[in-house]
Protein backbone atom coordinates (compact mmCIF):
# COMPACT_ATOMS: atom_id res chain seq x y z
CA MET A 1 47.32 105.22 132.96
CA THR A 2 47.74 108.24 135.22
CA ALA A 3 46.08 111.47 134.03
CA GLU A 4 48.39 114.45 134.59
CA LEU A 5 45.87 117.26 134.88
CA VAL A 6 46.23 120.95 134.15
CA ARG A 7 44.14 123.76 135.61
CA GLY A 8 40.46 123.32 134.74
CA GLN A 9 40.84 119.78 133.38
CA ASN A 10 38.78 116.92 134.81
CA HIS A 11 39.06 113.14 134.91
CA PRO A 12 36.63 110.37 135.83
CA LEU A 13 37.15 108.49 139.11
CA SER A 14 36.99 104.73 138.74
CA GLY A 15 36.52 104.04 142.47
CA THR A 16 34.91 105.63 145.48
CA ARG A 17 37.50 104.88 148.18
CA LEU A 18 40.44 107.15 147.46
CA GLU A 19 43.54 108.66 148.95
CA ILE A 20 44.70 112.20 148.12
CA ARG A 21 48.40 112.77 148.57
CA VAL A 22 49.86 116.24 148.89
CA SER A 23 53.53 117.18 148.55
CA ALA A 24 54.63 120.78 149.06
CA GLY A 25 57.91 122.63 149.45
CA GLY A 26 57.22 123.39 153.13
CA PRO A 27 54.64 122.90 155.90
CA VAL A 28 51.09 123.50 154.69
CA VAL A 29 47.67 122.94 156.22
CA ALA A 30 45.54 120.45 154.30
CA GLY A 31 41.78 120.39 154.66
CA ALA A 32 38.58 119.77 152.74
CA THR A 33 35.07 121.18 152.54
CA LEU A 34 31.82 119.40 151.75
CA ALA A 35 29.60 121.50 149.51
CA GLY A 36 26.19 121.16 147.96
CA ALA A 37 25.24 121.26 144.30
CA ASP A 38 25.65 125.05 144.31
CA GLY A 39 29.26 124.76 145.50
CA LYS A 40 28.50 126.47 148.83
CA VAL A 41 29.55 125.16 152.25
CA PRO A 42 26.50 125.38 154.57
CA GLY A 43 28.41 125.54 157.86
CA ALA A 44 31.66 125.02 159.73
CA ASP A 45 30.60 121.43 160.51
CA ARG A 46 31.19 120.62 156.85
CA ILE A 47 34.92 121.47 156.98
CA ALA A 48 37.61 118.90 157.79
CA HIS A 49 40.74 120.56 159.18
CA PRO A 50 43.44 119.93 161.83
CA ALA A 51 41.14 120.94 164.71
CA SER A 52 38.31 118.72 163.40
CA HIS A 53 40.02 116.22 161.16
CA ARG A 54 37.27 113.66 160.60
CA LEU A 55 33.87 113.90 158.88
CA PRO A 56 31.64 111.18 157.40
CA GLY A 57 33.56 109.83 154.41
CA LEU A 58 36.52 112.17 154.92
CA GLU A 59 39.64 112.34 157.07
CA VAL A 60 42.50 114.85 156.83
CA SER A 61 45.82 115.40 158.57
CA ARG A 62 45.88 116.80 162.10
CA GLN A 63 49.03 118.86 161.61
CA ALA A 64 50.73 121.20 159.16
CA ALA A 65 53.34 119.28 157.18
CA ALA A 66 55.10 119.18 153.84
CA ASP A 67 53.37 115.87 152.95
CA HIS A 68 49.79 114.79 153.60
CA ARG A 69 47.50 111.86 152.96
CA LEU A 70 43.75 112.52 152.95
CA ALA A 71 41.30 109.61 153.01
CA VAL A 72 38.04 109.90 151.08
CA ASP A 73 35.11 107.46 150.87
CA LEU A 74 32.67 108.96 148.39
CA ASP A 75 29.95 106.42 149.21
CA ALA A 76 30.04 107.45 152.89
CA LEU A 77 29.51 111.16 152.26
CA PRO A 78 26.15 112.72 153.23
CA GLU A 79 23.60 112.50 150.43
CA ASP A 80 23.42 116.27 149.99
CA VAL A 81 27.17 116.55 149.31
CA HIS A 82 27.92 117.05 145.63
CA ARG A 83 31.40 118.57 145.80
CA VAL A 84 34.50 118.00 147.91
CA HIS A 85 37.10 120.77 147.74
CA VAL A 86 40.66 119.95 148.80
CA LEU A 87 42.23 123.04 150.40
CA LEU A 88 45.86 123.96 151.09
CA ALA A 89 46.92 126.92 153.23
CA LEU A 90 50.14 128.23 154.69
CA PRO A 91 50.17 128.25 158.52
CA ALA A 92 49.47 131.79 159.74
CA GLY A 93 51.55 133.07 162.65
CA ALA A 94 54.04 130.20 162.51
CA GLY A 95 56.97 132.25 161.24
CA GLY A 96 57.19 130.44 157.91
CA PRO A 97 56.62 131.58 154.30
CA THR A 98 53.65 133.87 153.79
CA SER A 99 52.98 133.05 150.13
CA PHE A 100 53.14 130.00 147.88
CA GLY A 101 55.26 131.94 145.40
CA VAL A 102 58.43 131.26 147.42
CA LEU A 103 57.80 127.51 147.67
CA ALA A 104 58.05 124.70 145.18
CA ALA A 105 54.81 124.16 143.26
CA PRO A 106 52.54 121.88 145.36
CA PHE A 107 51.87 118.45 143.87
CA VAL A 108 48.58 116.62 144.45
CA ALA A 109 47.78 113.02 143.49
CA VAL A 110 44.51 111.10 143.65
CA THR A 111 45.18 107.40 144.15
CA GLY A 112 43.34 104.20 144.85
CA LEU A 113 43.78 102.39 148.16
CA ASP A 114 46.49 100.24 146.55
CA GLY A 115 48.50 103.36 145.71
CA THR A 116 47.70 103.30 141.98
CA GLU A 117 47.58 106.87 140.75
CA ILE A 118 44.39 107.99 139.04
CA ALA A 119 45.17 111.67 138.45
CA THR A 120 47.87 114.14 139.42
CA TYR A 121 48.10 117.91 139.39
CA THR A 122 51.03 120.28 139.93
CA ILE A 123 49.71 123.67 141.07
CA THR A 124 51.77 126.24 139.20
CA ASP A 125 51.46 130.01 138.71
CA LEU A 126 51.03 130.78 142.42
CA GLY A 127 52.52 134.04 143.68
CA ALA A 128 51.22 136.12 146.58
CA GLU A 129 48.52 133.58 147.44
CA SER A 130 48.67 131.94 150.88
CA ALA A 131 45.71 129.58 150.36
CA VAL A 132 44.58 127.57 147.35
CA VAL A 133 41.74 125.25 146.32
CA ALA A 134 43.77 122.39 144.87
CA LEU A 135 41.19 119.87 143.66
CA GLU A 136 37.47 119.42 143.40
CA LEU A 137 35.78 116.01 143.53
CA TYR A 138 32.32 116.45 142.11
CA ARG A 139 29.27 114.33 141.32
CA ARG A 140 27.70 114.52 137.87
CA GLN A 141 24.91 112.24 136.63
CA GLY A 142 25.63 109.73 139.36
CA ALA A 143 29.37 109.49 138.62
CA TRP A 144 32.27 111.18 140.40
CA LYS A 145 35.05 113.15 138.71
CA VAL A 146 38.09 115.08 139.85
CA ARG A 147 38.89 118.55 138.53
CA ALA A 148 42.18 120.44 138.86
CA VAL A 149 41.25 123.86 140.27
CA GLY A 150 44.36 125.73 141.45
CA GLN A 151 42.41 128.81 142.59
CA GLY A 152 44.64 130.84 144.91
CA TYR A 153 43.69 133.48 147.49
CA ALA A 154 46.02 136.28 148.59
CA GLY A 155 43.62 136.87 151.50
CA GLY A 156 44.44 133.45 152.91
CA LEU A 157 42.27 130.78 154.45
CA ALA A 158 39.53 133.19 155.53
CA ALA A 159 39.10 134.62 152.02
CA MET A 160 38.97 131.10 150.58
CA LEU A 161 36.29 129.93 153.03
CA GLU A 162 34.30 133.14 152.50
CA ASP A 163 34.37 132.55 148.73
CA GLN A 164 32.81 129.13 149.36
CA GLY A 165 29.86 130.77 151.07
CA LEU A 166 30.76 130.11 154.71
CA GLU A 167 29.25 132.85 156.90
CA GLN A 168 31.70 132.27 159.79
CA ALA A 169 34.71 132.24 157.47
CA TYR A 170 37.00 134.49 159.54
CA GLU A 171 36.13 132.88 162.86
CA THR A 172 36.65 129.40 161.42
CA ALA A 173 39.96 130.37 159.81
CA ALA A 174 41.17 131.84 163.11
CA ALA A 175 40.27 128.63 164.96
CA ILE A 176 42.09 126.52 162.38
CA ASN A 177 45.20 128.69 162.50
CA GLU A 178 45.22 128.64 166.31
CA ALA A 179 45.02 124.83 166.34
CA VAL A 180 47.83 124.59 163.80
CA VAL A 181 50.12 126.97 165.71
CA ARG A 182 49.50 125.05 168.96
CA GLY A 183 50.34 121.80 167.23
CA MET A 184 53.51 123.16 165.64
CA ALA A 185 54.65 124.52 169.00
CA ARG A 186 54.64 121.06 170.60
CA ALA A 187 58.07 119.66 171.28
CA VAL A 188 59.22 117.19 168.65
CA ALA A 189 62.15 114.89 169.25
CA PRO A 190 65.03 115.65 166.89
CA PRO A 191 66.07 112.99 164.41
CA PRO A 192 68.90 110.69 165.51
CA PRO A 193 72.40 111.83 164.47
CA ARG A 194 73.68 110.62 161.14
CA PRO A 195 76.17 107.75 161.53
CA ALA A 196 79.74 108.59 160.64
CA ALA A 197 79.69 106.00 157.87
CA ASP A 198 76.66 107.61 156.21
CA PRO A 199 78.06 110.61 154.31
CA GLU A 200 76.02 113.62 153.27
CA PRO A 201 74.76 113.34 149.68
CA ALA A 202 76.69 115.43 147.20
CA PRO A 203 74.70 118.25 145.59
CA ARG A 204 74.16 118.32 141.85
CA ARG A 205 75.99 121.64 141.66
CA PRO A 206 76.88 124.38 144.13
CA ALA A 207 73.75 126.30 145.08
CA PRO A 208 73.60 129.93 143.94
CA GLU A 209 74.90 132.24 146.66
CA PRO A 210 72.84 135.26 147.72
CA ALA A 211 74.60 138.57 147.33
CA PRO A 212 76.00 140.32 150.43
CA GLN A 213 73.36 141.63 152.87
CA ALA A 214 70.54 140.78 150.45
CA PRO A 215 67.61 138.68 151.60
CA ALA A 216 67.75 135.21 150.11
CA PRO A 217 64.75 134.64 147.81
CA GLY A 218 62.68 131.52 147.44
CA GLY A 219 62.49 128.33 149.43
CA GLY A 220 64.41 125.08 149.44
CA PRO A 221 65.56 123.12 146.41
CA VAL A 222 63.05 121.30 144.25
CA ASP A 223 63.48 117.58 143.73
CA TYR A 224 62.98 116.89 140.04
CA ARG A 225 63.24 113.15 140.27
CA HIS A 226 60.16 111.19 139.24
CA PRO A 227 58.70 109.46 142.31
CA ARG A 228 55.64 108.50 140.26
CA ARG A 229 57.61 106.31 137.86
CA ALA A 230 56.95 102.71 138.91
CA THR A 231 59.99 100.52 138.37
CA ALA A 232 61.99 97.98 140.25
CA THR A 233 65.21 99.03 138.58
CA PRO A 234 67.34 101.46 140.56
CA PRO A 235 68.18 104.72 138.82
CA ALA A 236 71.31 104.73 136.75
CA PRO A 237 74.07 106.79 138.30
CA ALA A 238 74.85 110.14 136.74
CA PRO A 239 78.04 110.30 134.68
CA ALA A 240 81.09 111.28 136.67
CA ALA A 241 82.28 114.80 136.03
CA PRO A 242 85.85 115.22 134.75
CA PRO A 243 88.22 116.39 137.47
CA ALA A 244 88.35 120.16 137.81
CA GLU A 245 91.50 122.18 137.92
CA PRO A 246 92.53 123.40 141.39
CA GLY A 247 90.53 126.44 142.43
CA GLN A 248 88.05 126.05 139.55
CA PRO A 249 84.38 124.92 139.68
CA PRO A 250 83.56 121.37 138.58
CA ARG A 251 83.51 120.87 134.84
CA PRO A 252 79.94 120.32 133.62
CA VAL A 253 78.84 116.96 132.26
CA ALA A 254 75.66 116.03 130.39
CA GLY A 255 73.25 113.86 132.35
CA ASP A 256 74.39 115.17 135.75
CA ALA A 257 71.05 114.48 137.45
CA ASN A 258 69.03 111.60 138.85
CA GLY A 259 67.04 109.36 136.53
CA TRP A 260 66.43 105.87 135.23
CA THR A 261 67.54 106.65 131.69
CA MET A 262 69.85 109.14 130.03
CA ASP A 263 66.85 111.03 128.63
CA GLU A 264 65.33 111.35 132.10
CA ARG A 265 68.63 112.54 133.55
CA LEU A 266 68.90 115.16 130.81
CA TYR A 267 65.31 116.25 131.39
CA ASN A 268 65.93 116.66 135.12
CA GLN A 269 69.21 118.45 134.45
CA VAL A 270 67.51 120.98 132.17
CA TRP A 271 64.91 121.70 134.84
CA GLY A 272 67.69 122.01 137.42
CA MET A 273 69.41 124.59 135.22
CA PHE A 274 66.11 126.43 134.84
CA GLU A 275 65.68 126.60 138.61
CA ASP A 276 69.30 127.60 139.22
CA LEU A 277 69.08 130.46 136.73
CA ALA A 278 65.79 131.65 138.23
CA ARG A 279 67.18 131.70 141.75
CA SER A 280 70.53 133.23 140.78
CA ALA A 281 68.76 136.07 138.97
CA ALA A 282 66.41 136.50 141.94
CA ALA A 283 69.34 136.76 144.33
CA TYR A 284 70.98 139.38 142.13
CA ARG A 285 67.81 141.43 141.69
CA SER A 286 67.11 141.23 145.41
CA ALA A 287 70.63 142.46 146.16
CA VAL A 288 70.26 145.38 143.75
CA ASP A 289 66.92 146.32 145.29
CA PHE A 290 68.43 146.11 148.75
CA ALA A 291 71.35 148.34 147.71
CA GLU A 292 68.99 150.89 146.17
CA SER A 293 66.75 150.89 149.24
CA ARG A 294 69.73 151.32 151.54
CA LEU A 295 71.03 154.20 149.42
CA GLU A 296 67.67 155.97 149.60
CA GLN A 297 67.55 155.54 153.37
CA GLU A 298 71.06 156.93 153.83
CA LEU A 299 70.37 159.90 151.54
CA ASP A 300 67.12 160.60 153.36
CA LYS A 301 69.00 160.56 156.64
CA VAL A 302 71.52 163.09 155.31
CA LEU A 303 68.76 165.39 154.05
CA SER A 304 66.69 165.12 157.21
CA ASP A 305 69.45 166.57 159.40
CA PRO A 306 69.90 170.37 158.90
CA ALA A 307 73.47 170.07 160.14
CA THR A 308 74.48 167.70 157.33
CA ARG A 309 72.09 168.79 154.59
CA VAL A 310 74.60 171.04 152.77
CA GLY A 311 78.32 171.57 152.76
CA PRO A 312 81.38 169.35 152.42
CA ALA A 313 80.16 166.91 155.10
CA ALA A 314 76.89 166.36 153.23
CA ASP A 315 78.72 165.82 149.92
CA ALA A 316 81.05 163.32 151.57
CA ALA A 317 78.14 161.43 153.18
CA ARG A 318 76.31 161.18 149.86
CA ALA A 319 79.47 160.04 148.10
CA GLU A 320 80.06 157.35 150.73
CA ALA A 321 76.44 156.15 150.46
CA ARG A 322 76.70 155.87 146.68
CA ALA A 323 80.03 154.08 146.98
CA ARG A 324 78.51 151.51 149.36
CA GLN A 325 75.60 151.01 146.98
CA ALA A 326 77.95 150.53 144.03
CA SER A 327 80.06 148.09 146.04
CA LEU A 328 77.04 145.97 146.96
CA VAL A 329 75.84 145.88 143.35
CA GLU A 330 79.35 145.02 142.15
CA GLN A 331 79.62 142.14 144.62
CA ALA A 332 76.18 140.87 143.62
CA ARG A 333 77.08 141.06 139.95
CA ALA A 334 80.30 139.13 140.56
CA VAL A 335 78.32 136.30 142.20
CA LEU A 336 75.78 136.35 139.37
CA ASP A 337 78.49 136.35 136.67
CA ARG A 338 80.12 133.35 138.31
CA ASP A 339 76.81 131.44 138.34
CA LEU A 340 76.00 132.49 134.77
CA ALA A 341 79.40 131.36 133.52
CA GLN A 342 78.92 127.95 135.12
CA LEU A 343 75.39 127.61 133.75
CA THR A 344 76.49 128.72 130.28
CA ALA A 345 79.22 126.08 130.23
CA GLU A 346 76.72 123.46 131.36
CA ALA A 347 74.15 124.56 128.76
CA GLU A 348 76.69 124.14 125.96
CA VAL A 349 77.54 120.62 127.11
CA VAL A 350 73.92 119.60 127.62
CA GLU A 351 72.71 121.03 124.29
CA HIS A 352 75.01 118.76 122.30
CA ALA A 353 73.81 115.68 124.20
CA LEU A 354 70.06 116.19 123.80
CA PRO A 355 68.01 113.58 121.90
CA PRO A 356 65.84 114.68 118.94
CA ALA A 357 62.74 115.32 121.07
CA PHE A 358 64.73 117.76 123.24
CA ALA A 359 67.02 119.20 120.57
CA ARG A 360 66.84 122.30 118.39
CA TRP A 361 66.06 121.86 114.70
CA ASP A 362 69.62 122.83 113.82
CA SER A 363 71.09 120.05 116.00
CA PRO A 364 73.15 117.36 114.21
CA VAL A 365 71.01 114.63 115.82
CA TRP A 366 68.31 115.30 113.22
CA GLN A 367 70.72 114.39 110.42
CA GLY A 368 70.93 110.85 111.73
CA TYR A 369 67.27 110.69 112.72
CA GLN A 370 65.56 107.31 112.89
CA VAL A 371 61.88 106.72 113.72
CA PRO A 372 61.81 105.82 117.45
CA LEU A 373 60.43 102.65 118.95
CA GLU A 374 58.98 104.32 122.06
CA THR A 375 57.52 107.69 122.99
CA PRO A 376 59.94 110.09 124.70
CA MET A 377 59.13 111.58 128.06
CA ALA A 378 59.14 115.21 126.90
CA LEU A 379 59.21 117.55 123.92
CA ARG A 380 60.97 120.85 123.26
CA LEU A 381 58.70 123.79 122.48
CA GLY A 382 61.34 126.51 122.43
CA ASP A 383 63.88 128.32 124.60
CA LEU A 384 63.68 130.58 127.65
CA HIS A 385 66.07 133.31 128.75
CA LEU A 386 66.36 136.25 131.16
CA PRO A 387 67.69 139.75 130.46
CA GLU A 388 70.71 139.21 132.76
CA ARG A 389 72.24 137.10 129.99
CA THR A 390 70.24 136.70 126.81
CA ASP A 391 72.62 134.21 125.20
CA LEU A 392 72.03 131.68 128.01
CA ARG A 393 69.06 129.72 126.69
CA ILE A 394 67.25 127.04 128.68
CA PRO A 395 65.27 124.49 126.63
CA MET A 396 61.54 124.66 127.35
CA LEU A 397 60.48 121.03 127.72
CA VAL A 398 56.90 119.79 128.21
CA ARG A 399 55.90 116.27 129.20
CA LEU A 400 54.37 113.80 126.75
CA PRO A 401 51.63 112.97 126.20
CA LEU A 402 50.61 116.62 126.29
CA GLU A 403 48.99 117.54 129.59
CA ARG A 404 47.26 120.51 127.97
CA GLY A 405 46.73 121.84 124.49
CA LEU A 406 48.73 124.62 122.84
CA TRP A 407 47.55 128.04 121.78
CA ILE A 408 49.85 129.70 119.27
CA ASP A 409 48.96 133.36 119.52
CA SER A 410 48.60 135.00 116.12
CA GLY A 411 47.61 138.37 117.62
CA ARG A 412 49.68 141.50 117.80
CA PRO A 413 53.08 140.90 119.44
CA SER A 414 54.34 142.98 122.33
CA GLY A 415 57.62 144.79 122.83
CA LEU A 416 60.08 145.38 120.02
CA GLN A 417 58.47 142.75 117.78
CA SER A 418 55.36 144.90 117.36
CA ALA A 419 57.37 147.36 115.29
CA VAL A 420 58.84 144.82 112.86
CA VAL A 421 56.08 142.19 112.39
CA ASP A 422 52.73 143.13 110.87
CA ALA A 423 49.49 141.19 111.38
CA THR A 424 49.69 139.25 108.09
CA GLU A 425 53.26 138.17 108.70
CA LEU A 426 52.45 137.14 112.25
CA ARG A 427 49.61 134.87 111.12
CA ARG A 428 51.96 133.22 108.63
CA LEU A 429 54.63 132.72 111.28
CA ALA A 430 52.06 131.34 113.72
CA MET A 431 50.97 128.63 111.29
CA GLU A 432 54.58 127.77 110.41
CA THR A 433 55.26 127.42 114.13
CA ALA A 434 52.30 125.05 114.46
CA VAL A 435 53.57 122.91 111.57
CA ALA A 436 57.08 122.78 113.08
CA HIS A 437 55.68 121.57 116.42
CA ALA A 438 53.40 119.04 114.71
CA ALA A 439 56.31 117.72 112.65
CA ARG A 440 58.38 117.27 115.78
CA MET A 441 55.55 115.33 117.45
CA LEU A 442 55.15 113.09 114.41
CA ALA A 443 58.90 112.49 114.43
CA VAL A 444 59.25 111.50 118.09
CA TYR A 445 56.30 109.11 118.34
CA PRO A 446 56.61 105.49 117.15
CA VAL A 447 55.10 104.61 113.77
CA GLY A 448 51.31 104.68 113.90
CA ASP A 449 51.12 106.14 117.42
CA PHE A 450 50.36 109.72 116.39
CA THR A 451 47.85 111.22 113.96
CA VAL A 452 47.53 114.85 112.89
CA HIS A 453 44.33 116.55 111.69
CA VAL A 454 43.99 120.13 110.45
CA ILE A 455 41.04 122.49 110.35
CA ASP A 456 41.65 125.33 107.89
CA PRO A 457 38.17 126.77 107.19
CA ALA A 458 39.23 129.26 104.50
CA GLY A 459 42.17 127.27 103.10
CA ALA A 460 44.58 130.04 104.09
CA ALA A 461 47.35 127.80 105.46
CA GLY A 462 48.24 125.88 102.31
CA ALA A 463 51.81 127.18 102.05
CA ALA A 464 52.61 126.50 105.72
CA LEU A 465 51.07 123.01 105.53
CA ALA A 466 53.11 122.02 102.45
CA PRO A 467 55.65 119.84 104.36
CA LEU A 468 52.83 117.85 105.99
CA LEU A 469 50.85 117.48 102.77
CA GLN A 470 53.69 116.67 100.39
CA THR A 471 55.21 113.99 102.62
CA GLY A 472 51.90 112.31 103.41
CA ALA A 473 52.15 113.15 107.11
CA LEU A 474 48.50 114.19 106.97
CA LYS A 475 46.28 111.19 106.34
CA GLU A 476 43.58 113.44 104.91
CA PRO A 477 43.38 116.97 103.50
CA PRO A 478 42.66 119.84 105.91
CA ALA A 479 39.00 120.24 106.80
CA ALA A 480 37.61 123.33 105.07
CA GLY A 481 34.23 125.02 105.03
CA ALA A 482 31.47 124.66 107.59
CA GLN A 483 30.67 121.10 106.54
CA GLY A 484 34.27 119.92 106.77
CA VAL A 485 34.80 121.55 110.15
CA SER A 486 31.62 119.98 111.52
CA ALA A 487 32.45 116.49 110.22
CA LEU A 488 35.96 116.42 111.69
CA LEU A 489 34.88 117.78 115.08
CA GLU A 490 32.02 115.27 115.18
CA ARG A 491 34.44 112.40 114.52
CA LEU A 492 36.91 113.50 117.21
CA THR A 493 34.23 114.10 119.85
CA ARG A 494 32.82 110.65 119.05
CA ARG A 495 36.30 109.18 119.58
CA VAL A 496 36.59 110.90 122.97
CA ASP A 497 33.15 109.62 124.03
CA LEU A 498 33.84 106.04 122.92
CA VAL A 499 37.27 105.82 124.52
CA GLN A 500 35.98 107.30 127.78
CA MET A 501 33.18 104.74 127.90
CA ALA A 502 35.59 101.92 127.08
CA VAL A 503 38.00 102.99 129.82
CA ARG A 504 35.24 103.30 132.42
CA SER A 505 33.85 99.89 131.60
CA GLY A 506 37.25 98.23 131.31
CA ALA A 507 36.52 97.21 127.71
CA ALA A 508 39.23 99.01 125.79
CA ASP A 509 39.48 96.07 123.36
CA SER A 510 35.86 96.47 122.28
CA LEU A 511 36.23 99.79 120.47
CA PRO A 512 34.79 99.89 116.93
CA PRO A 513 37.39 99.17 114.24
CA ASP A 514 37.04 102.65 112.74
CA VAL A 515 38.27 104.36 115.93
CA ASP A 516 41.88 105.48 115.60
CA THR A 517 43.49 104.65 118.96
CA ALA A 518 46.65 106.64 118.22
CA GLU A 519 47.30 109.95 119.96
CA GLN A 520 45.46 112.66 118.01
CA LEU A 521 46.53 116.26 117.39
CA LEU A 522 44.01 118.71 115.97
CA ILE A 523 45.51 121.90 114.50
CA VAL A 524 42.89 124.65 114.23
CA ASN A 525 43.82 127.61 112.03
CA ASP A 526 42.18 131.04 112.10
CA PHE A 527 39.81 130.35 114.99
CA PRO A 528 37.00 131.45 115.35
CA HIS A 529 36.48 132.08 111.60
CA GLY A 530 34.27 129.34 110.15
CA PHE A 531 33.01 128.10 113.56
CA ASP A 532 29.35 128.19 114.54
CA ASP A 533 28.10 127.81 118.12
CA ARG A 534 27.93 124.02 117.89
CA ALA A 535 31.51 123.81 116.61
CA VAL A 536 32.71 126.12 119.39
CA ASN A 537 31.07 123.90 122.01
CA GLN A 538 32.64 120.81 120.47
CA LEU A 539 36.02 122.51 120.54
CA ARG A 540 35.60 123.37 124.21
CA TYR A 541 34.63 119.76 124.88
CA LEU A 542 37.77 118.47 123.17
CA ALA A 543 39.93 120.91 125.16
CA ASP A 544 38.35 119.76 128.42
CA GLU A 545 37.92 116.02 127.91
CA GLY A 546 40.31 115.22 125.07
CA PRO A 547 43.77 115.15 126.72
CA SER A 548 42.86 112.38 129.16
CA VAL A 549 42.04 110.04 126.23
CA GLY A 550 44.69 111.16 123.77
CA VAL A 551 43.08 114.01 121.80
CA HIS A 552 45.02 117.28 121.91
CA LEU A 553 44.41 120.76 120.52
CA MET A 554 46.81 123.16 118.87
CA MET A 555 45.00 126.44 118.26
CA VAL A 556 46.38 129.12 115.94
CA ALA A 557 44.26 132.05 117.04
CA ASP A 558 44.05 135.66 118.12
CA ARG A 559 42.06 135.99 121.32
CA GLU A 560 40.87 139.44 120.28
CA ASP A 561 39.17 137.90 117.25
CA ALA A 562 37.10 135.70 119.59
CA ARG A 563 35.86 138.52 121.81
CA GLY A 564 32.45 138.28 120.19
CA TYR A 565 31.77 135.04 122.06
CA GLY A 566 32.23 136.83 125.38
CA PRO A 567 33.39 134.99 128.50
CA VAL A 568 32.11 131.64 127.21
CA LEU A 569 35.56 130.97 125.72
CA ASP A 570 37.59 132.03 128.76
CA PRO A 571 37.85 128.42 130.06
CA LEU A 572 39.16 127.37 126.65
CA TRP A 573 42.02 129.90 126.69
CA ARG A 574 42.88 129.03 130.28
CA ALA A 575 43.07 125.33 129.42
CA LEU A 576 45.71 125.93 126.73
CA LEU A 577 49.39 126.74 127.05
CA ARG A 578 49.99 130.01 125.20
CA ILE A 579 53.13 130.19 123.09
CA THR A 580 54.08 132.71 120.42
CA PRO A 581 55.64 132.61 116.93
CA VAL A 582 57.98 135.48 117.87
CA PRO A 583 59.90 136.18 121.11
CA ASP A 584 57.65 137.29 123.95
CA ASP A 585 57.99 137.62 127.74
CA HIS A 586 54.64 136.19 128.85
CA LEU A 587 55.84 133.08 130.73
CA ALA A 588 56.82 132.91 134.41
CA ASP A 589 58.71 130.30 136.43
CA PRO A 590 57.04 128.54 139.41
CA TRP A 591 59.70 129.55 141.97
CA VAL A 592 60.14 133.32 141.96
CA GLY A 593 57.84 134.39 139.11
CA HIS A 594 60.37 135.95 136.73
CA ALA A 595 59.06 137.06 133.35
CA TRP A 596 60.97 134.84 130.93
CA THR A 597 61.44 135.60 127.26
CA TYR A 598 60.13 132.68 125.22
CA GLU A 599 61.49 131.97 121.75
CA PRO A 600 59.77 129.32 119.61
CA SER A 601 61.62 126.30 118.28
CA LEU A 602 61.67 127.22 114.59
CA VAL A 603 63.41 125.71 111.60
CA PRO A 604 66.49 127.68 110.44
CA ALA A 605 65.92 129.75 107.31
CA GLY A 606 66.62 127.72 104.19
CA SER A 607 66.78 124.40 106.05
CA ASP A 608 64.97 121.37 104.67
CA VAL A 609 65.27 119.36 107.88
CA VAL A 610 61.52 119.16 108.57
CA ARG A 611 60.75 117.82 105.10
CA GLN A 612 63.56 115.26 105.39
CA VAL A 613 62.37 114.08 108.79
CA LEU A 614 58.75 113.80 107.63
CA GLN A 615 59.85 111.84 104.56
CA ARG A 616 61.50 109.29 106.86
CA VAL A 617 58.31 109.12 108.91
CA GLY A 618 56.35 108.51 105.71
CA GLN A 619 58.76 105.79 104.58
CA ALA A 620 58.42 104.06 107.93
CA ARG A 621 54.64 104.16 107.64
CA GLN A 622 54.78 102.61 104.20
CA ALA A 623 57.08 99.88 105.49
CA TYR A 624 54.59 99.06 108.24
CA GLY A 625 51.62 99.33 105.88
CA ILE A 626 50.09 102.27 107.74
């Protein structure tokens, strides 16, 4: 099973001869450094890069490219090497993008020599950085692991090498960049012309147009198909769109994306809508900024000339400048409105076709809910929207099994919500949000494949937990008090240890009978109240090691309350995906970095849909004797 890592997460390596595959949205330089136990690179002779692409146990690409394959033989590395850092950098001086923020998020996969994937990592949240440490292979107690790093550097390759302790960082970076530029300047034969019988592929939808005279933001389109899905069956074709009226855009159709199943096509279509909205809004904002900048320049020009500073000529020049600015903004808004109208129509069609795992709680699909026979590919955590059109909501889907835990922030909200929601109400809403997400997970997993545990040290979440308790969705009461917290954490850490050992030794069938092999979700309420130092360390261990063996965290916590532990908990917060019980604009997209408003997927007021769904889950468990 492939481990899909998130930043800071690690995974054991089962072999020593590996291949690291890199896929980026444009040409990047791929390299690697060999470091000692302290993480420092002793000299330039321990760096594999295009100008020196081969070291003992390591070989990298000799050219900047969008795709790379790096060969690693851990047994052949020098004995004093304890860490291998895989580096990505944008070519300097080649005329291409200067930051990763305008490219698709780089994807890195660690595979065996037969191509079997061991771990993958998509490097998100990059902005102005032009170099990034993607992965770290490190040796611990005689065994090798891979860790997803994702540390970016706005100062580029030189800053990254300097941070790794290399004294000749700037000289080495200059030599690498010079070699890359020379290589890219070599003549390359163009591809043969496309035969007349081989038509151009049709796009999924018309690409958003940049506004007049505005710089086009971002890079090329992102392919949201799933190249990692191993199957011999060709993807099912997308449904044909109904014919459009003359002069009108194509009518939207649900499932208008690539995929092997309808659910996968819908998932890819939602992500395509997300990208389209991000880029359309970026084009509009860029056009407005351009118009404002041009207006300022023209007004400055009028004021700088004494002959045109005052009088009718000056007034006319200012009026013309403002008219041009208004015209540019109006044209940009017309393009944006056209794109928003098309996306809104598509969102309405897609929303009605979503399966339960992707659908809102008020969707009719929950009325006919049946316990599934297989785990879906993704889960809806809420909706995302931009201020350009707040009624256009894009479902926020995350892959299953969860790649990282969830942190439901019960601290003070920001923006307008801070004036209408007090601290007590926010804590209540945070726990209700956790229960809604847990209920959805229980509902979309097959019978017996998902188990929920709750830690509620002070017993403060009884009302919010009522649907889980009354329907029997919780196999045991919430853990309370120091003794209950300790016992549950001890059991889950033991499960992680045993499953890891069984996987490494290839003896998954030899687990003790008391080990629950189902996916586990631990809901922790009111952290850090009721946690001693040992419990905190166990929680950090579960956050770090748990996801790879099916143990996931859902923390209901206020980070300010945990300040007393100092920076020791910073890795824990970074490992979790922060979501909120009220609307908040803390999330950003991986293409242009917009601040998106997130709204949680909550149950409508007065609805009993969660209780009804959990009752059906309970009935199915009884039928299967679980």
